C-alpha atoms as a PDB file:
ATOM      1  CA  MET A   1     -25.222 -12.459   3.318  1.00  0.00           C
ATOM      2  CA  ASP A   2     -26.795 -15.562   4.806  1.00  0.00           C
ATOM      3  CA  THR A   3     -24.769 -17.272   7.582  1.00  0.00           C
ATOM      4  CA  ASP A   4     -25.223 -20.741   6.014  1.00  0.00           C
ATOM      5  CA  ILE A   5     -23.718 -19.489   2.751  1.00  0.00           C
ATOM      6  CA  VAL A   6     -20.754 -17.997   4.617  1.00  0.00           C
ATOM      7  CA  MET A   7     -20.111 -21.255   6.507  1.00  0.00           C
ATOM      8  CA  LEU A   8     -20.300 -23.313   3.296  1.00  0.00           C
ATOM      9  CA  TYR A   9     -17.920 -20.894   1.588  1.00  0.00           C
ATOM     10  CA  LEU A  10     -15.410 -21.077   4.444  1.00  0.00           C
ATOM     11  CA  ARG A  11     -15.435 -24.885   4.441  1.00  0.00           C
ATOM     12  CA  THR A  12     -14.945 -25.237   0.686  1.00  0.00           C
ATOM     13  CA  GLU A  13     -12.650 -22.339  -0.187  1.00  0.00           C
ATOM     14  CA  HIS A  14     -10.245 -22.346   2.742  1.00  0.00           C
ATOM     15  CA  ALA A  15      -8.110 -25.243   1.486  1.00  0.00           C
ATOM     16  CA  PHE A  16      -4.533 -24.206   0.773  1.00  0.00           C
ATOM     17  CA  HIS A  17      -2.686 -25.091  -2.408  1.00  0.00           C
ATOM     18  CA  GLU A  18       0.937 -24.573  -3.317  1.00  0.00           C
ATOM     19  CA  ARG A  19       2.482 -23.506  -6.611  1.00  0.00           C
ATOM     20  CA  LYS A  20       6.082 -22.985  -7.612  1.00  0.00           C
ATOM     21  CA  VAL A  21       6.691 -19.568  -9.153  1.00  0.00           C
ATOM     22  CA  ARG A  22       9.858 -18.249 -10.796  1.00  0.00           C
ATOM     23  CA  VAL A  23      10.737 -14.838  -9.343  1.00  0.00           C
ATOM     24  CA  HIS A  24      13.839 -13.063 -10.634  1.00  0.00           C
ATOM     25  CA  GLY A  25      15.372 -16.393 -11.671  1.00  0.00           C
ATOM     26  CA  ARG A  26      14.701 -18.345  -8.481  1.00  0.00           C
ATOM     27  CA  THR A  27      11.893 -20.759  -7.638  1.00  0.00           C
ATOM     28  CA  VAL A  28       9.579 -19.690  -4.822  1.00  0.00           C
ATOM     29  CA  SER A  29       6.794 -21.752  -3.242  1.00  0.00           C
ATOM     30  CA  VAL A  30       3.556 -19.800  -2.976  1.00  0.00           C
ATOM     31  CA  ARG A  31       0.858 -21.180  -0.687  1.00  0.00           C
ATOM     32  CA  LEU A  32      -2.610 -19.631  -1.034  1.00  0.00           C
ATOM     33  CA  GLU A  33      -6.233 -20.625  -0.640  1.00  0.00           C
ATOM     34  CA  SER A  34      -7.708 -22.098  -3.824  1.00  0.00           C
ATOM     35  CA  LEU A  35     -10.012 -19.084  -4.106  1.00  0.00           C
ATOM     36  CA  TYR A  36      -6.992 -16.766  -4.466  1.00  0.00           C
ATOM     37  CA  PHE A  37      -5.317 -18.941  -7.099  1.00  0.00           C
ATOM     38  CA  ASP A  38      -8.583 -19.038  -9.064  1.00  0.00           C
ATOM     39  CA  ALA A  39      -8.854 -15.248  -8.834  1.00  0.00           C
ATOM     40  CA  LEU A  40      -5.171 -14.804  -9.770  1.00  0.00           C
ATOM     41  CA  ASP A  41      -5.620 -17.019 -12.822  1.00  0.00           C
ATOM     42  CA  GLU A  42      -8.658 -15.002 -13.887  1.00  0.00           C
ATOM     43  CA  MET A  43      -6.887 -11.700 -13.299  1.00  0.00           C
ATOM     44  CA  CYS A  44      -3.822 -12.849 -15.251  1.00  0.00           C
ATOM     45  CA  GLU A  45      -6.007 -13.951 -18.151  1.00  0.00           C
ATOM     46  CA  ARG A  46      -7.940 -10.653 -18.196  1.00  0.00           C
ATOM     47  CA  GLU A  47      -4.766  -8.572 -18.071  1.00  0.00           C
ATOM     48  CA  ASP A  48      -2.631 -10.874 -20.273  1.00  0.00           C
ATOM     49  CA  VAL A  49       0.098 -11.148 -17.643  1.00  0.00           C
ATOM     50  CA  GLY A  50       1.666 -14.151 -15.907  1.00  0.00           C
ATOM     51  CA  ILE A  51       1.744 -14.797 -12.173  1.00  0.00           C
ATOM     52  CA  GLU A  52       5.558 -14.710 -12.390  1.00  0.00           C
ATOM     53  CA  GLU A  53       5.474 -11.137 -13.680  1.00  0.00           C
ATOM     54  CA  LEU A  54       3.065 -10.109 -10.921  1.00  0.00           C
ATOM     55  CA  ALA A  55       5.321 -11.733  -8.316  1.00  0.00           C
ATOM     56  CA  GLU A  56       8.343  -9.883  -9.693  1.00  0.00           C
ATOM     57  CA  ARG A  57       6.465  -6.563  -9.596  1.00  0.00           C
ATOM     58  CA  ILE A  58       5.437  -7.195  -5.976  1.00  0.00           C
ATOM     59  CA  GLU A  59       9.049  -7.943  -5.028  1.00  0.00           C
ATOM     60  CA  ARG A  60      10.315  -4.855  -6.831  1.00  0.00           C
ATOM     61  CA  VAL A  61       7.953  -2.698  -4.786  1.00  0.00           C
ATOM     62  CA  GLY A  62       8.262  -4.531  -1.463  1.00  0.00           C
ATOM     63  CA  GLY A  63      11.842  -5.761  -1.657  1.00  0.00           C
ATOM     64  CA  ARG A  64      13.155  -9.299  -1.801  1.00  0.00           C
ATOM     65  CA  GLY A  65      12.186 -10.034   1.799  1.00  0.00           C
ATOM     66  CA  CYS A  66       8.550  -9.003   1.290  1.00  0.00           C
ATOM     67  CA  ASP A  67       5.804 -11.530   1.934  1.00  0.00           C
ATOM     68  CA  LEU A  68       4.842 -12.555  -1.585  1.00  0.00           C
ATOM     69  CA  GLU A  69       1.703 -14.386  -0.459  1.00  0.00           C
ATOM     70  CA  VAL A  70       0.375 -11.298   1.323  1.00  0.00           C
ATOM     71  CA  GLY A  71       1.228  -9.198  -1.726  1.00  0.00           C
ATOM     72  CA  LEU A  72      -0.657 -11.542  -4.057  1.00  0.00           C
ATOM     73  CA  ARG A  73      -3.708 -11.643  -1.774  1.00  0.00           C
ATOM     74  CA  THR A  74      -3.709  -7.843  -1.517  1.00  0.00           C
ATOM     75  CA  LEU A  75      -3.371  -7.500  -5.275  1.00  0.00           C
ATOM     76  CA  VAL A  76      -6.334  -9.833  -5.907  1.00  0.00           C
ATOM     77  CA  VAL A  77      -8.601  -8.040  -3.445  1.00  0.00           C
ATOM     78  CA  SER A  78      -7.598  -4.600  -4.761  1.00  0.00           C
ATOM     79  CA  TYR A  79      -8.053  -5.660  -8.382  1.00  0.00           C
ATOM     80  CA  PHE A  80     -11.538  -7.075  -7.954  1.00  0.00           C
ATOM     81  CA  ARG A  81     -12.655  -4.309  -5.576  1.00  0.00           C
ATOM     82  CA  SER A  82     -11.687  -1.704  -8.160  1.00  0.00           C
ATOM     83  CA  ALA A  83     -13.697  -3.600 -10.797  1.00  0.00           C
ATOM     84  CA  THR A  84     -16.832  -3.780  -8.662  1.00  0.00           C
ATOM     85  CA  PRO A  85     -19.073  -0.760  -8.130  1.00  0.00           C
ATOM     86  CA  ARG A  86     -19.804   0.106  -4.512  1.00  0.00           C
ATOM     87  CA  SER A  87     -23.089  -1.101  -3.152  1.00  0.00           C
ATOM     88  CA  PRO A  88     -25.402   1.335  -1.361  1.00  0.00           C
ATOM     89  CA  TYR A  89     -25.064  -1.097   1.564  1.00  0.00           C
ATOM     90  CA  SER A  90     -21.242  -1.059   1.601  1.00  0.00           C
ATOM     91  CA  GLY A  91     -21.000   0.712   4.945  1.00  0.00           C
ATOM     92  CA  ARG A  92     -23.193  -1.791   6.772  1.00  0.00           C
ATOM     93  CA  THR A  93     -21.952  -4.482   9.107  1.00  0.00           C
ATOM     94  CA  ILE A  94     -22.534  -8.099   8.083  1.00  0.00           C
ATOM     95  CA  HIS A  95     -24.164 -10.129  10.854  1.00  0.00           C
END
């Protein structure tokens, strides 16, 4: 991946946004990079599930004190990694 593309990506996609999400009847503020919210919205649409349901599932697994933002990020990365075939270059280091 070209370094200029990486730098442009980091400048444009690193902005944080906040959404209020209902989790087990309470309102929780979730603060993620716009890229993650875009990916979450796409994932929810593909799977016909709401972000609230995903948040509740994450809390059920991790407990009420779990870091919901980390759980959502992990879920997004895992979801899209599982949908993408491995590249023959996947073991190489990006310079």
